[in-house]
N, C-alpha and C. Protein backbone atom coordinates (compact mmCIF):
# COMPACT_ATOMS: atom_id res chain seq x y z
N MET A 1 72.13 -65.73 16.89
CA MET A 1 72.77 -66.79 17.03
C MET A 1 72.90 -67.44 15.18
N GLY A 2 74.15 -66.96 14.43
CA GLY A 2 74.39 -67.75 13.42
C GLY A 2 75.12 -68.98 13.41
N ARG A 3 74.81 -69.88 12.42
CA ARG A 3 75.88 -70.93 12.60
C ARG A 3 77.35 -70.28 11.52
N GLY A 4 78.33 -71.87 12.17
CA GLY A 4 79.35 -71.75 11.87
C GLY A 4 79.80 -71.90 9.98
N LYS A 5 80.60 -71.72 9.55
CA LYS A 5 81.20 -72.16 8.45
C LYS A 5 81.86 -73.18 8.46
N ILE A 6 81.80 -74.29 7.48
CA ILE A 6 82.83 -75.46 7.51
C ILE A 6 83.34 -75.89 6.16
N VAL A 7 84.02 -76.24 6.67
CA VAL A 7 84.78 -76.55 5.49
C VAL A 7 84.45 -77.60 4.33
N ILE A 8 84.18 -76.96 3.11
CA ILE A 8 83.70 -77.78 1.84
C ILE A 8 84.58 -78.79 1.72
N ARG A 9 84.80 -80.03 2.34
CA ARG A 9 85.63 -81.02 1.74
C ARG A 9 84.48 -82.49 1.93
N ARG A 10 85.30 -83.84 1.47
CA ARG A 10 84.59 -85.07 1.41
C ARG A 10 84.47 -85.16 2.92
N ILE A 11 83.40 -85.95 3.87
CA ILE A 11 83.27 -86.07 4.90
C ILE A 11 83.61 -86.99 5.01
N ASP A 12 84.79 -87.64 6.18
CA ASP A 12 85.28 -89.03 6.25
C ASP A 12 84.45 -90.16 6.70
N ASN A 13 83.54 -89.33 7.99
CA ASN A 13 82.72 -90.59 8.54
C ASN A 13 81.65 -90.88 7.48
N SER A 14 81.46 -91.79 7.31
CA SER A 14 80.21 -92.26 6.42
C SER A 14 78.84 -92.14 7.26
N THR A 15 78.83 -92.58 8.16
CA THR A 15 77.33 -92.23 8.80
C THR A 15 76.93 -90.63 8.61
N SER A 16 77.91 -90.18 9.11
CA SER A 16 77.76 -88.35 8.87
C SER A 16 77.94 -88.03 7.60
N ARG A 17 78.31 -88.67 6.38
CA ARG A 17 78.13 -88.46 5.17
C ARG A 17 76.70 -88.60 5.20
N GLN A 18 76.06 -89.70 5.12
CA GLN A 18 75.06 -90.28 4.69
C GLN A 18 73.86 -88.91 5.00
N VAL A 19 73.90 -89.02 6.65
CA VAL A 19 72.92 -87.48 7.27
C VAL A 19 73.22 -86.89 6.46
N THR A 20 74.13 -86.12 5.82
CA THR A 20 74.38 -84.68 5.40
C THR A 20 74.02 -84.71 4.23
N PHE A 21 74.15 -85.74 3.38
CA PHE A 21 73.31 -86.32 1.85
C PHE A 21 72.02 -85.86 1.87
N SER A 22 71.82 -86.82 3.12
CA SER A 22 70.27 -87.08 3.19
C SER A 22 69.72 -85.57 3.40
N LYS A 23 70.49 -84.59 3.95
CA LYS A 23 69.47 -83.32 4.78
C LYS A 23 69.74 -82.09 3.46
N ARG A 24 70.45 -82.32 2.76
CA ARG A 24 71.40 -81.70 2.09
C ARG A 24 70.60 -81.49 0.39
N ARG A 25 70.43 -83.15 0.47
CA ARG A 25 69.54 -83.33 -0.81
C ARG A 25 68.35 -83.01 -0.81
N ASN A 26 67.18 -83.44 0.79
CA ASN A 26 65.82 -82.71 0.75
C ASN A 26 65.87 -81.56 0.78
N GLY A 27 66.92 -80.52 0.93
CA GLY A 27 67.11 -79.02 0.94
C GLY A 27 67.35 -78.90 -0.26
N LEU A 28 67.61 -79.28 -1.23
CA LEU A 28 68.39 -79.19 -2.80
C LEU A 28 66.77 -79.62 -3.41
N LEU A 29 66.24 -80.68 -3.20
CA LEU A 29 65.12 -80.71 -3.88
C LEU A 29 63.69 -79.87 -3.09
N LYS A 30 63.88 -79.52 -2.54
CA LYS A 30 62.54 -78.01 -1.61
C LYS A 30 63.25 -76.97 -2.68
N LYS A 31 64.06 -76.84 -2.50
CA LYS A 31 64.04 -75.38 -3.34
C LYS A 31 64.08 -75.16 -4.92
N ALA A 32 64.44 -76.26 -5.57
CA ALA A 32 64.22 -76.60 -6.80
C ALA A 32 62.52 -76.21 -6.97
N LYS A 33 61.83 -77.18 -6.17
CA LYS A 33 60.26 -76.97 -6.29
C LYS A 33 59.64 -75.62 -5.91
N GLU A 34 60.35 -75.02 -4.87
CA GLU A 34 60.03 -74.00 -4.58
C GLU A 34 60.17 -72.62 -5.67
N LEU A 35 61.54 -73.24 -6.58
CA LEU A 35 61.94 -71.93 -7.50
C LEU A 35 61.00 -72.46 -9.29
N ALA A 36 60.62 -73.64 -8.99
CA ALA A 36 59.65 -73.45 -9.99
C ALA A 36 58.02 -73.60 -9.68
N ILE A 37 57.69 -73.30 -8.60
CA ILE A 37 56.50 -72.71 -8.13
C ILE A 37 56.52 -70.99 -8.45
N LEU A 38 57.56 -70.42 -7.37
CA LEU A 38 57.15 -69.39 -7.33
C LEU A 38 57.51 -67.98 -8.91
N CYS A 39 58.66 -68.64 -9.36
CA CYS A 39 59.60 -67.92 -10.69
C CYS A 39 58.72 -68.83 -11.99
N ASP A 40 57.92 -69.85 -11.78
CA ASP A 40 57.28 -70.43 -13.10
C ASP A 40 58.20 -70.86 -13.88
N ALA A 41 59.53 -71.07 -13.49
CA ALA A 41 60.33 -71.44 -13.94
C ALA A 41 60.21 -73.09 -14.79
N GLU A 42 61.01 -73.78 -15.43
CA GLU A 42 61.12 -75.15 -15.94
C GLU A 42 62.04 -75.65 -15.06
N VAL A 43 62.30 -76.95 -14.28
CA VAL A 43 63.36 -77.08 -13.62
C VAL A 43 63.73 -78.70 -13.39
N GLY A 44 64.46 -79.01 -13.42
CA GLY A 44 65.30 -80.42 -13.46
C GLY A 44 66.29 -80.70 -12.57
N VAL A 45 66.09 -81.44 -11.49
CA VAL A 45 67.60 -81.77 -10.85
C VAL A 45 67.48 -83.34 -10.76
N MET A 46 68.78 -84.01 -11.19
CA MET A 46 68.87 -85.19 -10.80
C MET A 46 69.99 -85.29 -10.01
N ILE A 47 70.14 -86.38 -8.72
CA ILE A 47 71.18 -86.52 -7.71
C ILE A 47 71.32 -88.35 -8.05
N PHE A 48 72.70 -88.16 -8.11
CA PHE A 48 73.11 -89.79 -8.10
C PHE A 48 73.59 -90.15 -6.84
N SER A 49 72.82 -91.02 -5.60
CA SER A 49 73.79 -91.28 -4.72
C SER A 49 75.25 -92.06 -4.84
N SER A 50 75.98 -91.97 -3.53
CA SER A 50 77.48 -92.66 -4.01
C SER A 50 77.17 -94.30 -3.90
N THR A 51 75.58 -94.79 -3.71
CA THR A 51 75.87 -96.15 -4.02
C THR A 51 74.98 -96.27 -5.18
N GLY A 52 74.31 -95.34 -6.13
CA GLY A 52 74.12 -95.30 -7.18
C GLY A 52 72.78 -95.21 -7.20
N LYS A 53 71.71 -94.86 -6.22
CA LYS A 53 70.30 -94.47 -6.24
C LYS A 53 69.91 -93.07 -6.77
N LEU A 54 68.91 -93.11 -7.44
CA LEU A 54 68.70 -91.90 -8.20
C LEU A 54 67.49 -91.03 -7.46
N TYR A 55 67.31 -89.50 -7.29
CA TYR A 55 66.58 -88.93 -6.56
C TYR A 55 66.65 -87.98 -7.80
N ASP A 56 65.38 -87.70 -8.16
CA ASP A 56 65.00 -86.42 -9.06
C ASP A 56 63.80 -85.47 -8.81
N PHE A 57 64.02 -84.57 -9.32
CA PHE A 57 62.79 -83.21 -9.52
C PHE A 57 62.47 -82.91 -10.98
N ALA A 58 61.29 -82.80 -11.22
CA ALA A 58 60.90 -81.98 -12.48
C ALA A 58 59.67 -81.40 -12.09
N SER A 59 59.93 -80.00 -12.80
CA SER A 59 58.62 -79.26 -12.67
C SER A 59 57.64 -79.71 -13.73
N THR A 60 58.01 -80.23 -14.93
CA THR A 60 57.05 -80.57 -15.85
C THR A 60 57.25 -82.09 -15.93
N SER A 61 58.02 -82.78 -16.80
CA SER A 61 58.75 -83.96 -16.85
C SER A 61 60.10 -84.30 -17.54
N MET A 62 60.60 -84.82 -16.51
CA MET A 62 62.08 -85.36 -17.19
C MET A 62 62.65 -85.42 -18.31
N LYS A 63 61.71 -85.66 -18.96
CA LYS A 63 62.34 -86.22 -20.26
C LYS A 63 62.27 -84.54 -21.51
N SER A 64 61.31 -83.77 -21.15
CA SER A 64 60.93 -82.56 -21.34
C SER A 64 62.22 -81.42 -21.11
N VAL A 65 62.54 -81.69 -19.61
CA VAL A 65 63.58 -80.83 -19.17
C VAL A 65 64.99 -81.14 -20.08
N ILE A 66 65.20 -82.84 -20.33
CA ILE A 66 66.55 -83.12 -20.62
C ILE A 66 66.20 -82.47 -21.96
N ASP A 67 65.31 -82.50 -22.64
CA ASP A 67 65.13 -82.71 -24.54
C ASP A 67 65.44 -80.72 -24.37
N ARG A 68 64.99 -80.21 -23.72
CA ARG A 68 65.12 -78.65 -23.81
C ARG A 68 66.38 -78.08 -23.45
N TYR A 69 67.35 -79.17 -22.68
CA TYR A 69 68.24 -78.86 -22.12
C TYR A 69 69.58 -78.96 -23.46
N GLY A 70 69.28 -80.33 -24.17
CA GLY A 70 70.01 -80.74 -25.32
C GLY A 70 69.70 -79.32 -26.34
N LYS A 71 68.64 -79.00 -26.61
CA LYS A 71 68.56 -78.16 -27.60
C LYS A 71 69.00 -76.63 -27.18
N ALA A 72 68.74 -76.08 -26.39
CA ALA A 72 69.63 -75.33 -25.78
C ALA A 72 71.11 -75.33 -25.95
N LYS A 73 71.77 -76.56 -25.53
CA LYS A 73 73.24 -76.55 -25.70
C LYS A 73 73.61 -76.60 -27.17
N GLU A 74 72.98 -77.44 -27.75
CA GLU A 74 73.16 -76.87 -28.82
C GLU A 74 73.31 -75.66 -29.91
N GLU A 75 72.50 -74.89 -29.61
CA GLU A 75 72.26 -73.86 -29.99
C GLU A 75 73.34 -72.88 -29.74
N LEU A 76 73.89 -73.21 -28.40
CA LEU A 76 75.09 -72.41 -27.85
C LEU A 76 76.15 -72.41 -28.41
N GLN A 77 76.41 -74.06 -28.81
CA GLN A 77 77.23 -74.38 -29.70
C GLN A 77 77.52 -74.12 -30.85
N GLN A 78 76.34 -73.86 -31.40
CA GLN A 78 76.19 -73.09 -32.69
C GLN A 78 76.87 -71.93 -33.02
N LEU A 79 76.05 -71.28 -31.83
CA LEU A 79 76.38 -69.59 -31.67
C LEU A 79 77.61 -69.59 -31.30
N ALA A 80 78.49 -70.54 -30.55
CA ALA A 80 80.08 -70.30 -29.98
C ALA A 80 80.87 -70.64 -31.26
N ASN A 81 80.53 -71.65 -32.18
CA ASN A 81 81.37 -72.52 -33.41
C ASN A 81 81.49 -71.49 -34.36
N PRO A 82 82.66 -71.19 -34.73
CA PRO A 82 83.20 -70.30 -35.76
C PRO A 82 82.18 -71.20 -37.45
N THR A 83 82.51 -72.29 -37.23
CA THR A 83 82.13 -73.23 -38.17
C THR A 83 80.85 -73.03 -38.85
N SER A 84 79.86 -72.99 -37.82
CA SER A 84 78.45 -72.68 -38.22
C SER A 84 78.44 -71.31 -38.82
N ASP A 85 79.12 -70.34 -39.01
CA ASP A 85 78.80 -69.21 -39.72
C ASP A 85 79.53 -69.57 -41.16
N VAL A 86 80.52 -70.13 -41.09
CA VAL A 86 80.94 -70.54 -42.20
C VAL A 86 79.98 -71.43 -43.02
N LYS A 87 79.30 -72.33 -42.48
CA LYS A 87 78.68 -72.74 -43.32
C LYS A 87 77.24 -71.95 -43.71
N PHE A 88 76.64 -71.34 -42.45
CA PHE A 88 75.78 -70.31 -43.01
C PHE A 88 75.81 -69.65 -44.35
N TRP A 89 76.95 -68.70 -44.30
CA TRP A 89 77.68 -67.92 -45.44
C TRP A 89 77.86 -68.98 -46.69
N GLN A 90 78.78 -70.08 -46.59
CA GLN A 90 78.12 -71.05 -47.39
C GLN A 90 76.85 -71.16 -48.47
N ARG A 91 76.01 -71.64 -47.43
CA ARG A 91 74.39 -72.02 -47.80
C ARG A 91 74.18 -70.75 -48.67
N GLU A 92 74.47 -69.39 -48.11
CA GLU A 92 74.13 -67.86 -48.56
C GLU A 92 74.64 -68.07 -49.95
N ALA A 93 76.09 -68.41 -50.14
CA ALA A 93 76.56 -67.95 -51.22
C ALA A 93 76.12 -68.95 -52.27
N ALA A 94 75.56 -69.99 -51.99
CA ALA A 94 75.16 -71.03 -52.94
C ALA A 94 73.92 -70.34 -53.53
N MET A 95 73.14 -70.46 -52.56
CA MET A 95 71.48 -69.51 -52.81
C MET A 95 71.57 -68.48 -53.92
N LEU A 96 72.62 -67.63 -53.69
CA LEU A 96 72.87 -66.15 -54.05
C LEU A 96 73.22 -66.99 -55.48
N ARG A 97 74.38 -67.97 -56.24
CA ARG A 97 74.48 -68.06 -57.10
C ARG A 97 73.49 -68.74 -57.82
N GLN A 98 72.49 -69.43 -57.50
CA GLN A 98 71.86 -70.00 -58.25
C GLN A 98 70.66 -69.28 -58.43
N GLN A 99 70.41 -67.73 -57.60
CA GLN A 99 69.55 -66.89 -58.47
C GLN A 99 70.32 -66.44 -59.21
N LEU A 100 71.59 -65.94 -59.44
CA LEU A 100 71.90 -65.10 -60.36
C LEU A 100 72.16 -66.61 -61.55
N GLN A 101 72.33 -67.54 -61.51
CA GLN A 101 72.06 -68.18 -62.93
C GLN A 101 71.05 -67.89 -63.33
N ASN A 102 69.36 -68.14 -62.16
CA ASN A 102 68.00 -67.90 -63.13
C ASN A 102 68.12 -66.62 -63.66
N LEU A 103 68.66 -65.55 -63.08
CA LEU A 103 68.50 -64.49 -63.54
C LEU A 103 68.94 -64.29 -64.96
N GLN A 104 70.20 -64.76 -64.90
CA GLN A 104 71.00 -64.86 -66.39
C GLN A 104 70.31 -65.68 -67.21
N GLU A 105 69.81 -66.67 -67.15
CA GLU A 105 69.16 -67.38 -67.77
C GLU A 105 67.93 -66.80 -68.44
N SER A 106 67.17 -66.61 -67.66
CA SER A 106 65.80 -65.18 -68.17
C SER A 106 66.18 -64.23 -68.79
N HIS A 107 67.08 -63.86 -68.56
CA HIS A 107 68.02 -62.49 -69.43
C HIS A 107 68.14 -63.06 -70.76
N ARG A 108 68.57 -64.31 -70.96
CA ARG A 108 69.30 -64.45 -71.88
C ARG A 108 67.96 -65.01 -73.08
N GLN A 109 67.02 -65.54 -72.46
CA GLN A 109 65.74 -65.78 -73.10
C GLN A 109 64.83 -64.55 -73.32
N MET A 110 64.96 -63.70 -72.50
CA MET A 110 64.73 -62.29 -73.27
C MET A 110 65.19 -61.94 -74.38
N MET A 111 67.01 -61.67 -74.46
CA MET A 111 67.33 -61.12 -75.56
C MET A 111 67.02 -62.47 -76.52
N GLY A 112 66.34 -63.33 -76.48
CA GLY A 112 66.14 -64.55 -77.57
C GLY A 112 67.08 -65.49 -77.72
N GLU A 113 68.23 -65.66 -77.17
CA GLU A 113 68.70 -66.60 -76.93
C GLU A 113 68.14 -67.98 -76.01
N GLU A 114 69.00 -69.52 -76.44
CA GLU A 114 68.68 -70.04 -75.44
C GLU A 114 67.23 -70.42 -75.22
N LEU A 115 66.38 -70.63 -76.53
CA LEU A 115 64.90 -70.59 -76.80
C LEU A 115 64.81 -72.42 -76.81
N SER A 116 65.66 -72.85 -77.10
CA SER A 116 65.22 -74.38 -77.99
C SER A 116 64.90 -75.17 -76.74
N GLY A 117 65.21 -74.65 -75.49
CA GLY A 117 64.57 -75.91 -74.80
C GLY A 117 63.57 -75.67 -73.43
N LEU A 118 62.94 -74.69 -74.26
CA LEU A 118 61.29 -74.11 -73.88
C LEU A 118 60.34 -74.77 -74.37
N GLY A 119 59.22 -75.08 -73.75
CA GLY A 119 58.23 -75.55 -74.34
C GLY A 119 57.20 -74.42 -75.06
N VAL A 120 55.84 -74.73 -75.26
CA VAL A 120 54.93 -73.78 -76.23
C VAL A 120 54.54 -73.35 -75.19
N LYS A 121 54.19 -73.22 -73.87
CA LYS A 121 53.87 -72.69 -72.79
C LYS A 121 54.66 -71.80 -71.99
N ASP A 122 55.85 -71.80 -72.11
CA ASP A 122 57.15 -71.62 -71.66
C ASP A 122 57.33 -70.23 -72.90
N LEU A 123 56.94 -70.46 -73.82
CA LEU A 123 57.38 -69.29 -74.76
C LEU A 123 56.03 -68.28 -74.94
N GLN A 124 54.91 -69.06 -74.90
CA GLN A 124 53.72 -67.92 -74.30
C GLN A 124 54.05 -66.88 -73.18
N ASN A 125 54.86 -67.42 -72.18
CA ASN A 125 54.98 -66.68 -70.91
C ASN A 125 55.75 -65.49 -71.44
N LEU A 126 57.33 -66.10 -72.22
CA LEU A 126 57.93 -64.96 -72.21
C LEU A 126 57.11 -64.00 -73.35
N GLU A 127 56.49 -64.84 -74.45
CA GLU A 127 55.99 -63.47 -75.04
C GLU A 127 55.30 -62.18 -74.43
N ASN A 128 54.27 -62.94 -73.37
CA ASN A 128 53.47 -61.88 -72.67
C ASN A 128 54.50 -61.26 -71.82
N GLN A 129 55.35 -61.55 -71.64
CA GLN A 129 56.50 -60.83 -70.75
C GLN A 129 56.68 -59.77 -71.71
N LEU A 130 57.49 -59.69 -72.98
CA LEU A 130 58.02 -59.16 -73.30
C LEU A 130 56.71 -57.86 -73.92
N GLU A 131 55.69 -58.78 -74.49
CA GLU A 131 54.89 -57.54 -74.96
C GLU A 131 53.95 -56.74 -73.36
N MET A 132 54.25 -57.08 -72.71
CA MET A 132 54.16 -56.18 -71.42
C MET A 132 55.10 -54.86 -71.04
N SER A 133 56.10 -55.65 -71.43
CA SER A 133 57.43 -54.41 -71.09
C SER A 133 57.30 -53.55 -72.47
N LEU A 134 57.22 -54.02 -73.61
CA LEU A 134 57.15 -53.27 -74.69
C LEU A 134 56.31 -52.19 -74.64
N ARG A 135 55.03 -52.16 -73.90
CA ARG A 135 53.43 -51.55 -73.74
C ARG A 135 54.02 -50.48 -72.90
N GLY A 136 54.93 -50.94 -71.69
CA GLY A 136 55.48 -50.24 -70.99
C GLY A 136 56.42 -49.34 -70.99
N ILE A 137 57.08 -49.62 -72.08
CA ILE A 137 58.12 -48.79 -72.77
C ILE A 137 57.57 -47.66 -73.39
N ARG A 138 56.58 -48.14 -73.98
CA ARG A 138 55.87 -47.05 -75.36
C ARG A 138 54.98 -46.17 -74.13
N MET A 139 54.55 -46.53 -73.31
CA MET A 139 53.54 -45.31 -72.54
C MET A 139 54.91 -44.38 -71.41
N LYS A 140 55.52 -44.72 -71.46
CA LYS A 140 56.65 -43.88 -70.86
C LYS A 140 57.11 -42.95 -72.07
N LYS A 141 57.58 -43.94 -73.19
CA LYS A 141 57.78 -42.56 -73.96
C LYS A 141 56.58 -41.61 -74.35
N VAL A 142 55.28 -42.22 -74.61
CA VAL A 142 54.39 -41.41 -74.84
C VAL A 142 54.14 -40.04 -73.85
N TYR A 143 54.32 -40.73 -72.67
CA TYR A 143 53.94 -39.45 -71.67
C TYR A 143 55.18 -39.12 -70.84
N GLY A 144 56.33 -39.69 -70.91
CA GLY A 144 57.62 -39.63 -70.40
C GLY A 144 58.41 -38.50 -71.35
N THR A 145 58.20 -37.80 -72.45
CA THR A 145 58.65 -37.46 -73.09
C THR A 145 58.00 -35.81 -73.45
N ARG A 146 57.33 -35.12 -72.78
CA ARG A 146 56.80 -34.16 -72.91
C ARG A 146 57.51 -32.93 -72.38
N ASP A 147 57.38 -31.82 -72.98
CA ASP A 147 58.34 -30.61 -72.40
C ASP A 147 57.48 -29.86 -71.39
N GLY A 148 57.81 -28.66 -70.76
CA GLY A 148 57.33 -28.58 -69.56
C GLY A 148 55.90 -27.82 -70.14
N ASP A 149 55.92 -27.20 -71.19
CA ASP A 149 54.40 -26.67 -71.63
C ASP A 149 53.48 -27.56 -72.55
N GLY A 150 53.85 -28.98 -72.56
CA GLY A 150 52.84 -29.87 -72.64
C GLY A 150 53.33 -30.47 -74.11
N THR A 151 53.75 -29.77 -74.84
CA THR A 151 54.03 -30.36 -76.23
C THR A 151 55.26 -31.42 -76.37
N ASN A 152 54.87 -32.38 -77.22
CA ASN A 152 55.56 -33.80 -77.47
C ASN A 152 57.22 -33.06 -78.14
N ARG A 153 58.03 -33.98 -77.47
CA ARG A 153 59.46 -33.38 -78.06
C ARG A 153 59.76 -34.22 -79.52
N ASN A 154 58.99 -35.33 -79.63
CA ASN A 154 59.27 -36.17 -80.76
C ASN A 154 58.03 -36.73 -81.69
N ALA A 155 58.09 -36.13 -82.68
CA ALA A 155 56.65 -36.35 -83.73
C ALA A 155 56.56 -37.72 -83.86
N LEU A 156 57.49 -38.55 -83.99
CA LEU A 156 57.67 -40.18 -84.43
C LEU A 156 58.43 -40.63 -83.39
N LEU A 157 57.85 -41.42 -83.11
CA LEU A 157 58.60 -42.59 -81.45
C LEU A 157 59.63 -43.80 -82.67
N ALA A 158 60.53 -43.85 -82.01
CA ALA A 158 61.59 -45.12 -82.68
C ALA A 158 60.95 -46.34 -83.37
N ASN A 159 59.51 -46.60 -82.98
CA ASN A 159 58.90 -47.98 -83.67
C ASN A 159 58.24 -47.48 -84.68
N GLY A 160 58.26 -46.19 -84.69
CA GLY A 160 57.04 -46.08 -86.34
C GLY A 160 55.66 -45.65 -85.81
N LEU A 161 55.58 -45.63 -84.47
CA LEU A 161 54.25 -45.23 -84.06
C LEU A 161 54.15 -43.50 -84.09
N SER A 162 53.32 -42.63 -84.72
CA SER A 162 52.90 -41.77 -83.88
C SER A 162 52.58 -41.19 -82.35
N ILE A 163 52.56 -40.12 -82.13
CA ILE A 163 51.79 -40.03 -80.94
C ILE A 163 50.60 -39.98 -80.91
N GLY A 164 50.31 -39.73 -81.97
CA GLY A 164 48.57 -40.06 -81.88
C GLY A 164 47.85 -41.16 -81.60
N GLU A 165 48.46 -42.30 -82.31
CA GLU A 165 48.04 -43.75 -82.13
C GLU A 165 47.68 -43.92 -80.69
N GLU A 166 46.96 -45.22 -80.49
CA GLU A 166 46.35 -45.75 -79.16
C GLU A 166 47.41 -46.82 -78.62
N PRO A 167 47.85 -46.12 -77.66
CA PRO A 167 48.78 -46.63 -77.10
C PRO A 167 48.15 -48.20 -76.36
N HIS A 168 46.93 -48.59 -76.29
CA HIS A 168 46.35 -49.57 -75.51
C HIS A 168 46.33 -50.55 -76.94
N VAL A 169 46.24 -50.31 -77.95
CA VAL A 169 46.10 -51.35 -78.70
C VAL A 169 47.01 -52.32 -78.67
N PRO A 170 46.75 -54.03 -78.68
CA PRO A 170 47.55 -54.86 -78.70
C PRO A 170 48.35 -54.64 -79.63
N VAL A 171 49.70 -55.15 -79.38
CA VAL A 171 50.66 -54.98 -80.12
C VAL A 171 50.88 -56.74 -80.32
N ASN A 172 51.36 -57.14 -81.22
CA ASN A 172 51.28 -58.53 -81.85
C ASN A 172 52.93 -58.70 -82.48
N LEU A 173 53.85 -59.55 -81.45
CA LEU A 173 55.01 -60.04 -81.56
C LEU A 173 54.81 -61.33 -81.98
N GLN A 174 56.04 -61.79 -82.57
CA GLN A 174 56.66 -62.73 -83.32
C GLN A 174 57.47 -63.20 -82.78
N LEU A 175 58.12 -64.44 -81.93
CA LEU A 175 59.22 -64.98 -81.77
C LEU A 175 59.60 -66.04 -82.84
N CYS A 176 61.20 -65.84 -82.70
CA CYS A 176 61.43 -66.40 -83.92
C CYS A 176 62.62 -67.31 -83.77
N GLN A 177 63.34 -68.22 -84.02
CA GLN A 177 64.55 -68.59 -83.63
C GLN A 177 65.78 -67.85 -84.11
N PRO A 178 66.52 -67.09 -82.86
CA PRO A 178 67.60 -66.04 -82.83
C PRO A 178 68.96 -66.52 -84.02
N GLN A 179 69.64 -66.10 -84.46
CA GLN A 179 71.02 -66.18 -85.58
C GLN A 179 71.60 -66.65 -84.27
N GLN A 180 72.39 -67.91 -84.62
CA GLN A 180 73.25 -68.38 -83.69
C GLN A 180 74.14 -67.08 -83.61
N GLN A 181 74.52 -66.95 -81.96
CA GLN A 181 75.34 -66.19 -81.76
C GLN A 181 76.93 -67.08 -80.40
N ASN A 182 77.48 -66.31 -80.61
CA ASN A 182 78.88 -67.01 -79.67
C ASN A 182 78.61 -66.72 -78.32
N TYR A 183 77.91 -67.43 -77.64
CA TYR A 183 78.25 -67.23 -76.29
C TYR A 183 78.99 -66.99 -75.73
N LYS A 184 80.00 -66.61 -74.53
CA LYS A 184 81.11 -66.64 -73.99
C LYS A 184 81.10 -66.51 -72.22
N PRO A 185 80.71 -67.48 -71.97
CA PRO A 185 80.53 -67.00 -70.18
C PRO A 185 82.18 -66.58 -70.04
N PRO A 186 81.45 -65.55 -68.69
CA PRO A 186 83.08 -65.09 -68.17
C PRO A 186 84.23 -66.00 -67.93
N THR A 187 85.55 -65.73 -68.17
CA THR A 187 86.75 -66.79 -67.93
C THR A 187 86.94 -66.21 -66.79
N ARG A 188 86.64 -65.30 -65.81
CA ARG A 188 87.01 -65.40 -64.52
C ARG A 188 86.03 -66.08 -63.46
N THR A 189 86.20 -66.77 -62.67
CA THR A 189 84.85 -66.75 -61.78
C THR A 189 85.26 -66.59 -60.37
N THR A 190 84.65 -66.10 -59.48
CA THR A 190 84.98 -65.93 -58.10
C THR A 190 84.61 -67.14 -57.30
N ASN A 191 85.29 -67.66 -56.50
CA ASN A 191 84.55 -68.62 -55.69
C ASN A 191 84.35 -67.82 -54.26
N LEU A 192 82.94 -68.23 -54.26
CA LEU A 192 82.47 -67.78 -52.95
C LEU A 192 82.03 -68.76 -51.73
N GLY A 193 82.42 -70.22 -52.15
CA GLY A 193 82.30 -71.05 -51.27
C GLY A 193 83.60 -71.67 -50.65
């Protein structure tokens, strides 16, 4: 024989209400404990009676359950909040702008512009980078310009070295202050953020 259905509404009789609260509270706390044990779940239940008395159960500690709840709630709000998406793309755009500025500065320095702010060590590093690039270009010219039969198309390279010269011999470059050039930054800028 099954139980009859009851209407879910406030119980008017205070004694019946207190008995029902006590039974259902104990049942709820028992179910929470079983759920934590059976399913290895982190469970936290807080109940305040009508008189303000606190009843609680936590599978670990109530503080850790509340902290975890707060973090999860915050993450959900950030995912649901379209402004967080905007903030992410604004940070991404700012980072890409900074990378672009760094690459442009490096490119200008490789071209011999804006060297006045560099120290001796920076200039030596730039010189080494240029020497390595030059060696790589010469190697490609030497080994990359041969015809299918193995003969070389160019007897003399643009830099004046003949093909027979040793490509591994160090090349001495000397950096000098470039002639003043009028560098004009782009007039049109795109606002990414």
